[in-house]
Amino acid sequence: MKESKGVSYPAINPKNLVLLFICLPPLFEQRIIADFLDRETAKIDKLIEKIERQIELLKEYRQSLITSAVTGKIDVRDTL
């Protein structure tokens, strides 16, 4: 950016910052974008919850197998 100064840590002079143009879509388009992002992040959140539940079930299953092996309910000898 031509307004930045410095090499290792470029910075913008505050006086120059107010002169920069920022392109914003119209408000209705911003709302469409925000709604889309809300829907997509909701899908991601549901997937995260589902995976976290699966992890918990696998931990319970693992503990159950360990308990069964320790108490002799399942034979784990010669399984390798």
PDB file of N, CA and C in Angstrom:
ATOM      1  N   MET A   1       0.851  -1.162   0.000  1.00  0.00           N
ATOM      2  CA  MET A   1       0.000   0.000   0.000  1.00  0.00           C
ATOM      3  C   MET A   1       0.902   1.232   0.000  1.00  0.00           C
ATOM      4  N   LYS A   2       0.589   2.173  -0.824  1.00  0.00           N
ATOM      5  CA  LYS A   2       1.461   3.344  -0.946  1.00  0.00           C
ATOM      6  C   LYS A   2       1.412   4.244   0.276  1.00  0.00           C
ATOM      7  N   GLU A   3       0.382   4.101   1.122  1.00  0.00           N
ATOM      8  CA  GLU A   3       0.271   4.939   2.319  1.00  0.00           C
ATOM      9  C   GLU A   3       1.063   4.384   3.490  1.00  0.00           C
ATOM     10  N   SER A   4       1.518   3.131   3.406  1.00  0.00           N
ATOM     11  CA  SER A   4       2.216   2.536   4.539  1.00  0.00           C
ATOM     12  C   SER A   4       3.658   3.022   4.595  1.00  0.00           C
ATOM     13  N   LYS A   5       4.182   3.091   5.803  1.00  0.00           N
ATOM     14  CA  LYS A   5       5.554   3.535   6.040  1.00  0.00           C
ATOM     15  C   LYS A   5       6.272   2.460   6.829  1.00  0.00           C
ATOM     16  N   GLY A   6       7.527   2.241   6.524  1.00  0.00           N
ATOM     17  CA  GLY A   6       8.322   1.260   7.245  1.00  0.00           C
ATOM     18  C   GLY A   6       8.469  -0.024   6.455  1.00  0.00           C
ATOM     19  N   VAL A   7       9.419  -0.858   6.886  1.00  0.00           N
ATOM     20  CA  VAL A   7       9.702  -2.098   6.166  1.00  0.00           C
ATOM     21  C   VAL A   7       9.304  -3.305   7.002  1.00  0.00           C
ATOM     22  N   SER A   8       9.902  -3.445   8.190  1.00  0.00           N
ATOM     23  CA  SER A   8       9.630  -4.635   8.986  1.00  0.00           C
ATOM     24  C   SER A   8       8.269  -4.556   9.681  1.00  0.00           C
ATOM     25  N   TYR A   9       7.801  -3.380   9.971  1.00  0.00           N
ATOM     26  CA  TYR A   9       6.499  -3.203  10.596  1.00  0.00           C
ATOM     27  C   TYR A   9       5.827  -1.994   9.959  1.00  0.00           C
ATOM     28  N   PRO A  10       5.221  -2.197   8.797  1.00  0.00           N
ATOM     29  CA  PRO A  10       4.606  -1.055   8.120  1.00  0.00           C
ATOM     30  C   PRO A  10       3.414  -0.510   8.913  1.00  0.00           C
ATOM     31  N   ALA A  11       3.256   0.777   8.906  1.00  0.00           N
ATOM     32  CA  ALA A  11       2.159   1.418   9.623  1.00  0.00           C
ATOM     33  C   ALA A  11       1.585   2.526   8.751  1.00  0.00           C
ATOM     34  N   ILE A  12       0.371   2.895   9.045  1.00  0.00           N
ATOM     35  CA  ILE A  12      -0.277   3.976   8.300  1.00  0.00           C
ATOM     36  C   ILE A  12      -0.441   5.166   9.232  1.00  0.00           C
ATOM     37  N   ASN A  13      -0.060   6.286   8.754  1.00  0.00           N
ATOM     38  CA  ASN A  13      -0.222   7.518   9.508  1.00  0.00           C
ATOM     39  C   ASN A  13      -1.719   7.770   9.690  1.00  0.00           C
ATOM     40  N   PRO A  14      -2.182   8.051  10.916  1.00  0.00           N
ATOM     41  CA  PRO A  14      -3.607   8.298  11.148  1.00  0.00           C
ATOM     42  C   PRO A  14      -4.190   9.405  10.260  1.00  0.00           C
ATOM     43  N   LYS A  15      -3.378  10.408   9.931  1.00  0.00           N
ATOM     44  CA  LYS A  15      -3.871  11.480   9.054  1.00  0.00           C
ATOM     45  C   LYS A  15      -4.205  10.929   7.666  1.00  0.00           C
ATOM     46  N   ASN A  16      -3.419   9.953   7.207  1.00  0.00           N
ATOM     47  CA  ASN A  16      -3.670   9.349   5.908  1.00  0.00           C
ATOM     48  C   ASN A  16      -4.799   8.319   5.944  1.00  0.00           C
ATOM     49  N   LEU A  17      -5.018   7.736   7.104  1.00  0.00           N
ATOM     50  CA  LEU A  17      -6.047   6.707   7.244  1.00  0.00           C
ATOM     51  C   LEU A  17      -7.432   7.263   6.933  1.00  0.00           C
ATOM     52  N   VAL A  18      -7.714   8.460   7.380  1.00  0.00           N
ATOM     53  CA  VAL A  18      -9.037   9.040   7.141  1.00  0.00           C
ATOM     54  C   VAL A  18      -9.254   9.381   5.666  1.00  0.00           C
ATOM     55  N   LEU A  19      -8.210   9.388   4.890  1.00  0.00           N
ATOM     56  CA  LEU A  19      -8.330   9.701   3.472  1.00  0.00           C
ATOM     57  C   LEU A  19      -8.580   8.464   2.606  1.00  0.00           C
ATOM     58  N   LEU A  20      -8.463   7.260   3.207  1.00  0.00           N
ATOM     59  CA  LEU A  20      -8.654   6.034   2.446  1.00  0.00           C
ATOM     60  C   LEU A  20     -10.134   5.809   2.139  1.00  0.00           C
ATOM     61  N   PHE A  21     -10.403   5.310   0.961  1.00  0.00           N
ATOM     62  CA  PHE A  21     -11.764   4.978   0.565  1.00  0.00           C
ATOM     63  C   PHE A  21     -12.048   3.517   0.915  1.00  0.00           C
ATOM     64  N   ILE A  22     -13.220   3.280   1.438  1.00  0.00           N
ATOM     65  CA  ILE A  22     -13.650   1.925   1.773  1.00  0.00           C
ATOM     66  C   ILE A  22     -14.916   1.635   0.977  1.00  0.00           C
ATOM     67  N   CYS A  23     -14.873   0.568   0.203  1.00  0.00           N
ATOM     68  CA  CYS A  23     -16.042   0.190  -0.596  1.00  0.00           C
ATOM     69  C   CYS A  23     -16.947  -0.710   0.234  1.00  0.00           C
ATOM     70  N   LEU A  24     -18.185  -0.322   0.391  1.00  0.00           N
ATOM     71  CA  LEU A  24     -19.169  -1.122   1.120  1.00  0.00           C
ATOM     72  C   LEU A  24     -20.327  -1.450   0.187  1.00  0.00           C
ATOM     73  N   PRO A  25     -20.787  -2.704   0.215  1.00  0.00           N
ATOM     74  CA  PRO A  25     -21.968  -3.013  -0.581  1.00  0.00           C
ATOM     75  C   PRO A  25     -23.188  -2.324   0.045  1.00  0.00           C
ATOM     76  N   PRO A  26     -24.257  -2.166  -0.727  1.00  0.00           N
ATOM     77  CA  PRO A  26     -25.471  -1.558  -0.170  1.00  0.00           C
ATOM     78  C   PRO A  26     -25.975  -2.370   1.032  1.00  0.00           C
ATOM     79  N   LEU A  27     -26.742  -1.721   1.887  1.00  0.00           N
ATOM     80  CA  LEU A  27     -27.218  -2.346   3.125  1.00  0.00           C
ATOM     81  C   LEU A  27     -27.979  -3.639   2.854  1.00  0.00           C
ATOM     82  N   PHE A  28     -28.840  -3.664   1.837  1.00  0.00           N
ATOM     83  CA  PHE A  28     -29.602  -4.881   1.554  1.00  0.00           C
ATOM     84  C   PHE A  28     -28.663  -6.037   1.188  1.00  0.00           C
ATOM     85  N   GLU A  29     -27.584  -5.735   0.486  1.00  0.00           N
ATOM     86  CA  GLU A  29     -26.617  -6.772   0.122  1.00  0.00           C
ATOM     87  C   GLU A  29     -25.821  -7.218   1.347  1.00  0.00           C
ATOM     88  N   GLN A  30     -25.518  -6.297   2.243  1.00  0.00           N
ATOM     89  CA  GLN A  30     -24.836  -6.656   3.490  1.00  0.00           C
ATOM     90  C   GLN A  30     -25.700  -7.616   4.293  1.00  0.00           C
ATOM     91  N   ARG A  31     -27.026  -7.362   4.304  1.00  0.00           N
ATOM     92  CA  ARG A  31     -27.945  -8.246   5.037  1.00  0.00           C
ATOM     93  C   ARG A  31     -28.000  -9.630   4.399  1.00  0.00           C
ATOM     94  N   ILE A  32     -27.994  -9.676   3.080  1.00  0.00           N
ATOM     95  CA  ILE A  32     -27.992 -10.963   2.377  1.00  0.00           C
ATOM     96  C   ILE A  32     -26.728 -11.744   2.724  1.00  0.00           C
ATOM     97  N   ILE A  33     -25.602 -11.067   2.718  1.00  0.00           N
ATOM     98  CA  ILE A  33     -24.329 -11.703   3.057  1.00  0.00           C
ATOM     99  C   ILE A  33     -24.348 -12.186   4.506  1.00  0.00           C
ATOM    100  N   ALA A  34     -24.832 -11.342   5.410  1.00  0.00           N
ATOM    101  CA  ALA A  34     -24.884 -11.711   6.829  1.00  0.00           C
ATOM    102  C   ALA A  34     -25.809 -12.902   7.044  1.00  0.00           C
ATOM    103  N   ASP A  35     -26.962 -12.927   6.373  1.00  0.00           N
ATOM    104  CA  ASP A  35     -27.888 -14.056   6.495  1.00  0.00           C
ATOM    105  C   ASP A  35     -27.248 -15.346   5.988  1.00  0.00           C
ATOM    106  N   PHE A  36     -26.555 -15.247   4.860  1.00  0.00           N
ATOM    107  CA  PHE A  36     -25.867 -16.411   4.313  1.00  0.00           C
ATOM    108  C   PHE A  36     -24.832 -16.936   5.299  1.00  0.00           C
ATOM    109  N   LEU A  37     -24.026 -16.025   5.845  1.00  0.00           N
ATOM    110  CA  LEU A  37     -23.000 -16.432   6.807  1.00  0.00           C
ATOM    111  C   LEU A  37     -23.621 -17.035   8.060  1.00  0.00           C
ATOM    112  N   ASP A  38     -24.743 -16.478   8.517  1.00  0.00           N
ATOM    113  CA  ASP A  38     -25.439 -17.045   9.680  1.00  0.00           C
ATOM    114  C   ASP A  38     -25.885 -18.478   9.404  1.00  0.00           C
ATOM    115  N   ARG A  39     -26.457 -18.717   8.216  1.00  0.00           N
ATOM    116  CA  ARG A  39     -26.912 -20.064   7.857  1.00  0.00           C
ATOM    117  C   ARG A  39     -25.736 -21.038   7.780  1.00  0.00           C
ATOM    118  N   GLU A  40     -24.676 -20.607   7.144  1.00  0.00           N
ATOM    119  CA  GLU A  40     -23.524 -21.493   6.976  1.00  0.00           C
ATOM    120  C   GLU A  40     -22.829 -21.790   8.298  1.00  0.00           C
ATOM    121  N   THR A  41     -22.687 -20.786   9.138  1.00  0.00           N
ATOM    122  CA  THR A  41     -22.047 -21.030  10.435  1.00  0.00           C
ATOM    123  C   THR A  41     -22.941 -21.887  11.325  1.00  0.00           C
ATOM    124  N   ALA A  42     -24.261 -21.773  11.174  1.00  0.00           N
ATOM    125  CA  ALA A  42     -25.172 -22.641  11.927  1.00  0.00           C
ATOM    126  C   ALA A  42     -24.965 -24.094  11.517  1.00  0.00           C
ATOM    127  N   LYS A  43     -24.766 -24.337  10.225  1.00  0.00           N
ATOM    128  CA  LYS A  43     -24.488 -25.701   9.751  1.00  0.00           C
ATOM    129  C   LYS A  43     -23.191 -26.218  10.363  1.00  0.00           C
ATOM    130  N   ILE A  44     -22.181 -25.371  10.380  1.00  0.00           N
ATOM    131  CA  ILE A  44     -20.891 -25.762  10.953  1.00  0.00           C
ATOM    132  C   ILE A  44     -21.044 -26.066  12.441  1.00  0.00           C
ATOM    133  N   ASP A  45     -21.799 -25.218  13.147  1.00  0.00           N
ATOM    134  CA  ASP A  45     -22.017 -25.435  14.580  1.00  0.00           C
ATOM    135  C   ASP A  45     -22.706 -26.771  14.834  1.00  0.00           C
ATOM    136  N   LYS A  46     -23.696 -27.132  13.995  1.00  0.00           N
ATOM    137  CA  LYS A  46     -24.392 -28.413  14.147  1.00  0.00           C
ATOM    138  C   LYS A  46     -23.439 -29.573  13.906  1.00  0.00           C
ATOM    139  N   LEU A  47     -22.571 -29.441  12.911  1.00  0.00           N
ATOM    140  CA  LEU A  47     -21.591 -30.494  12.647  1.00  0.00           C
ATOM    141  C   LEU A  47     -20.621 -30.652  13.814  1.00  0.00           C
ATOM    142  N   ILE A  48     -20.202 -29.538  14.376  1.00  0.00           N
ATOM    143  CA  ILE A  48     -19.298 -29.589  15.531  1.00  0.00           C
ATOM    144  C   ILE A  48     -19.975 -30.304  16.692  1.00  0.00           C
ATOM    145  N   GLU A  49     -21.238 -29.966  16.962  1.00  0.00           N
ATOM    146  CA  GLU A  49     -21.977 -30.628  18.045  1.00  0.00           C
ATOM    147  C   GLU A  49     -22.089 -32.127  17.792  1.00  0.00           C
ATOM    148  N   LYS A  50     -22.382 -32.503  16.549  1.00  0.00           N
ATOM    149  CA  LYS A  50     -22.519 -33.914  16.201  1.00  0.00           C
ATOM    150  C   LYS A  50     -21.202 -34.659  16.410  1.00  0.00           C
ATOM    151  N   ILE A  51     -20.112 -34.068  15.975  1.00  0.00           N
ATOM    152  CA  ILE A  51     -18.799 -34.701  16.122  1.00  0.00           C
ATOM    153  C   ILE A  51     -18.411 -34.793  17.595  1.00  0.00           C
ATOM    154  N   GLU A  52     -18.698 -33.736  18.364  1.00  0.00           N
ATOM    155  CA  GLU A  52     -18.382 -33.773  19.795  1.00  0.00           C
ATOM    156  C   GLU A  52     -19.169 -34.878  20.486  1.00  0.00           C
ATOM    157  N   ARG A  53     -20.433 -35.079  20.089  1.00  0.00           N
ATOM    158  CA  ARG A  53     -21.249 -36.156  20.658  1.00  0.00           C
ATOM    159  C   ARG A  53     -20.662 -37.514  20.275  1.00  0.00           C
ATOM    160  N   GLN A  54     -20.234 -37.660  19.034  1.00  0.00           N
ATOM    161  CA  GLN A  54     -19.626 -38.918  18.601  1.00  0.00           C
ATOM    162  C   GLN A  54     -18.348 -39.208  19.382  1.00  0.00           C
ATOM    163  N   ILE A  55     -17.572 -38.166  19.645  1.00  0.00           N
ATOM    164  CA  ILE A  55     -16.347 -38.333  20.439  1.00  0.00           C
ATOM    165  C   ILE A  55     -16.693 -38.835  21.841  1.00  0.00           C
ATOM    166  N   GLU A  56     -17.721 -38.234  22.442  1.00  0.00           N
ATOM    167  CA  GLU A  56     -18.141 -38.664  23.777  1.00  0.00           C
ATOM    168  C   GLU A  56     -18.598 -40.117  23.766  1.00  0.00           C
ATOM    169  N   LEU A  57     -19.364 -40.520  22.758  1.00  0.00           N
ATOM    170  CA  LEU A  57     -19.821 -41.910  22.668  1.00  0.00           C
ATOM    171  C   LEU A  57     -18.647 -42.867  22.489  1.00  0.00           C
ATOM    172  N   LEU A  58     -17.669 -42.474  21.688  1.00  0.00           N
ATOM    173  CA  LEU A  58     -16.486 -43.310  21.505  1.00  0.00           C
ATOM    174  C   LEU A  58     -15.688 -43.439  22.802  1.00  0.00           C
ATOM    175  N   LYS A  59     -15.604 -42.358  23.565  1.00  0.00           N
ATOM    176  CA  LYS A  59     -14.910 -42.425  24.861  1.00  0.00           C
ATOM    177  C   LYS A  59     -15.634 -43.388  25.801  1.00  0.00           C
ATOM    178  N   GLU A  60     -16.984 -43.321  25.796  1.00  0.00           N
ATOM    179  CA  GLU A  60     -17.771 -44.236  26.635  1.00  0.00           C
ATOM    180  C   GLU A  60     -17.560 -45.679  26.188  1.00  0.00           C
ATOM    181  N   TYR A  61     -17.558 -45.911  24.875  1.00  0.00           N
ATOM    182  CA  TYR A  61     -17.348 -47.256  24.338  1.00  0.00           C
ATOM    183  C   TYR A  61     -15.960 -47.772  24.705  1.00  0.00           C
ATOM    184  N   ARG A  62     -14.968 -46.895  24.583  1.00  0.00           N
ATOM    185  CA  ARG A  62     -13.594 -47.270  24.951  1.00  0.00           C
ATOM    186  C   ARG A  62     -13.527 -47.680  26.411  1.00  0.00           C
ATOM    187  N   GLN A  63     -14.142 -46.878  27.273  1.00  0.00           N
ATOM    188  CA  GLN A  63     -14.124 -47.184  28.710  1.00  0.00           C
ATOM    189  C   GLN A  63     -14.840 -48.499  28.982  1.00  0.00           C
ATOM    190  N   SER A  64     -15.930 -48.743  28.277  1.00  0.00           N
ATOM    191  CA  SER A  64     -16.676 -49.988  28.431  1.00  0.00           C
ATOM    192  C   SER A  64     -15.818 -51.182  28.025  1.00  0.00           C
ATOM    193  N   LEU A  65     -15.085 -51.047  26.920  1.00  0.00           N
ATOM    194  CA  LEU A  65     -14.197 -52.134  26.485  1.00  0.00           C
ATOM    195  C   LEU A  65     -13.099 -52.386  27.505  1.00  0.00           C
ATOM    196  N   ILE A  66     -12.523 -51.309  28.027  1.00  0.00           N
ATOM    197  CA  ILE A  66     -11.473 -51.457  29.037  1.00  0.00           C
ATOM    198  C   ILE A  66     -12.015 -52.185  30.259  1.00  0.00           C
ATOM    199  N   THR A  67     -13.188 -51.767  30.715  1.00  0.00           N
ATOM    200  CA  THR A  67     -13.806 -52.392  31.887  1.00  0.00           C
ATOM    201  C   THR A  67     -14.087 -53.867  31.617  1.00  0.00           C
ATOM    202  N   SER A  68     -14.615 -54.175  30.448  1.00  0.00           N
ATOM    203  CA  SER A  68     -14.911 -55.564  30.097  1.00  0.00           C
ATOM    204  C   SER A  68     -13.645 -56.403  30.037  1.00  0.00           C
ATOM    205  N   ALA A  69     -12.569 -55.836  29.524  1.00  0.00           N
ATOM    206  CA  ALA A  69     -11.308 -56.568  29.448  1.00  0.00           C
ATOM    207  C   ALA A  69     -10.722 -56.797  30.835  1.00  0.00           C
ATOM    208  N   VAL A  70     -10.779 -55.785  31.689  1.00  0.00           N
ATOM    209  CA  VAL A  70     -10.203 -55.884  33.031  1.00  0.00           C
ATOM    210  C   VAL A  70     -10.990 -56.865  33.892  1.00  0.00           C
ATOM    211  N   THR A  71     -12.299 -56.878  33.744  1.00  0.00           N
ATOM    212  CA  THR A  71     -13.133 -57.767  34.575  1.00  0.00           C
ATOM    213  C   THR A  71     -13.248 -59.163  33.988  1.00  0.00           C
ATOM    214  N   GLY A  72     -12.662 -59.399  32.820  1.00  0.00           N
ATOM    215  CA  GLY A  72     -12.680 -60.722  32.219  1.00  0.00           C
ATOM    216  C   GLY A  72     -13.937 -61.050  31.431  1.00  0.00           C
ATOM    217  N   LYS A  73     -14.774 -60.076  31.184  1.00  0.00           N
ATOM    218  CA  LYS A  73     -16.001 -60.313  30.413  1.00  0.00           C
ATOM    219  C   LYS A  73     -15.675 -60.576  28.937  1.00  0.00           C
ATOM    220  N   ILE A  74     -14.558 -60.035  28.469  1.00  0.00           N
ATOM    221  CA  ILE A  74     -14.091 -60.363  27.110  1.00  0.00           C
ATOM    222  C   ILE A  74     -12.663 -60.854  27.223  1.00  0.00           C
ATOM    223  N   ASP A  75     -12.326 -61.784  26.374  1.00  0.00           N
ATOM    224  CA  ASP A  75     -10.985 -62.363  26.372  1.00  0.00           C
ATOM    225  C   ASP A  75     -10.122 -61.590  25.387  1.00  0.00           C
ATOM    226  N   VAL A  76      -9.077 -60.981  25.893  1.00  0.00           N
ATOM    227  CA  VAL A  76      -8.196 -60.194  25.027  1.00  0.00           C
ATOM    228  C   VAL A  76      -6.856 -60.901  24.804  1.00  0.00           C
ATOM    229  N   ARG A  77      -6.724 -62.135  25.294  1.00  0.00           N
ATOM    230  CA  ARG A  77      -5.491 -62.886  25.066  1.00  0.00           C
ATOM    231  C   ARG A  77      -5.451 -63.347  23.622  1.00  0.00           C
ATOM    232  N   ASP A  78      -4.282 -63.402  23.072  1.00  0.00           N
ATOM    233  CA  ASP A  78      -4.061 -63.883  21.703  1.00  0.00           C
ATOM    234  C   ASP A  78      -4.845 -63.093  20.659  1.00  0.00           C
ATOM    235  N   THR A  79      -5.051 -61.818  20.882  1.00  0.00           N
ATOM    236  CA  THR A  79      -5.764 -60.997  19.900  1.00  0.00           C
ATOM    237  C   THR A  79      -4.808 -60.282  18.960  1.00  0.00           C
ATOM    238  N   LEU A  80      -3.517 -60.365  19.236  1.00  0.00           N
ATOM    239  CA  LEU A  80      -2.552 -59.700  18.368  1.00  0.00           C
ATOM    240  C   LEU A  80      -2.091 -60.578  17.255  1.00  0.00           C
TER     241      LEU A  80
END
